[in-house]
Amino acid sequence: MQHIEALLQSLFIMSSMVEARDTYTGGHLWRVGQFSRLLAGAAGLSRQEVARISITGLIGNKLWY
């Protein structure tokens, strides 16, 4: 479980670094991750699926740029 926490921390730090260089959209990745989490939870997905979708929302958005 400790390795998962370290991975999540690393992903969060990387997404924060991406947002830090773009002040216009600051906080966007966090909001996308939170909104993704809420939608997945409302759709009745499992906790594991909700977590996976939340992480993808957090980092996946900037991967397309």
Protein backbone atom coordinates (compact mmCIF):
# COMPACT_ATOMS: atom_id res chain seq x y z
CA MET A 1 0.00 0.00 0.00
CA GLN A 2 2.91 2.33 0.68
CA HIS A 3 4.08 2.12 -2.94
CA ILE A 4 0.63 3.17 -4.14
CA GLU A 5 0.70 6.23 -1.89
CA ALA A 6 4.16 7.14 -3.23
CA LEU A 7 2.91 6.78 -6.80
CA LEU A 8 -0.12 8.96 -6.12
CA GLN A 9 2.07 11.58 -4.49
CA SER A 10 4.38 11.59 -7.50
CA LEU A 11 1.46 11.96 -9.91
CA PHE A 12 0.03 14.82 -7.89
CA ILE A 13 3.40 16.59 -7.80
CA MET A 14 3.83 16.20 -11.56
CA SER A 15 0.37 17.56 -12.27
CA SER A 16 1.04 20.47 -9.90
CA MET A 17 4.25 21.24 -11.79
CA VAL A 18 2.36 21.31 -15.08
CA GLU A 19 -0.23 23.66 -13.64
CA ALA A 20 2.40 25.91 -12.07
CA ARG A 21 3.77 26.85 -15.48
CA ASP A 22 0.31 27.72 -16.80
CA THR A 23 -1.26 30.23 -14.42
CA TYR A 24 -4.27 30.79 -16.70
CA THR A 25 -5.61 27.28 -16.10
CA GLY A 26 -4.29 26.79 -12.56
CA GLY A 27 -6.44 24.36 -10.59
CA HIS A 28 -8.02 22.91 -13.72
CA LEU A 29 -6.47 19.45 -13.34
CA TRP A 30 -7.60 19.23 -9.72
CA ARG A 31 -11.15 20.24 -10.66
CA VAL A 32 -11.26 17.69 -13.49
CA GLY A 33 -10.07 14.99 -11.10
CA GLN A 34 -12.67 15.90 -8.49
CA PHE A 35 -15.48 16.14 -11.02
CA SER A 36 -14.45 12.77 -12.48
CA ARG A 37 -14.51 11.26 -8.99
CA LEU A 38 -17.99 12.63 -8.29
CA LEU A 39 -19.38 11.36 -11.60
CA ALA A 40 -17.85 7.92 -11.16
CA GLY A 41 -19.24 7.68 -7.63
CA ALA A 42 -22.69 8.78 -8.78
CA ALA A 43 -22.56 6.14 -11.51
CA GLY A 44 -22.21 3.48 -8.81
CA LEU A 45 -18.73 2.32 -9.76
CA SER A 46 -16.54 0.44 -7.29
CA ARG A 47 -14.10 2.33 -5.04
CA GLN A 48 -11.19 1.05 -7.11
CA GLU A 49 -12.78 2.25 -10.36
CA VAL A 50 -13.61 5.63 -8.82
CA ALA A 51 -9.99 6.04 -7.70
CA ARG A 52 -8.67 5.05 -11.11
CA ILE A 53 -10.98 7.50 -12.90
CA SER A 54 -10.13 10.28 -10.46
CA ILE A 55 -6.41 9.82 -11.10
CA THR A 56 -6.93 9.70 -14.84
CA GLY A 57 -8.93 12.92 -14.65
CA LEU A 58 -6.14 14.52 -12.65
CA ILE A 59 -3.30 13.67 -15.01
CA GLY A 60 -4.92 12.66 -18.29
CA ASN A 61 -6.23 16.06 -19.26
CA LYS A 62 -2.78 17.59 -19.78
CA LEU A 63 -1.45 14.55 -21.63
CA TRP A 64 -3.42 15.67 -24.69
CA TYR A 65 -1.59 19.00 -24.98
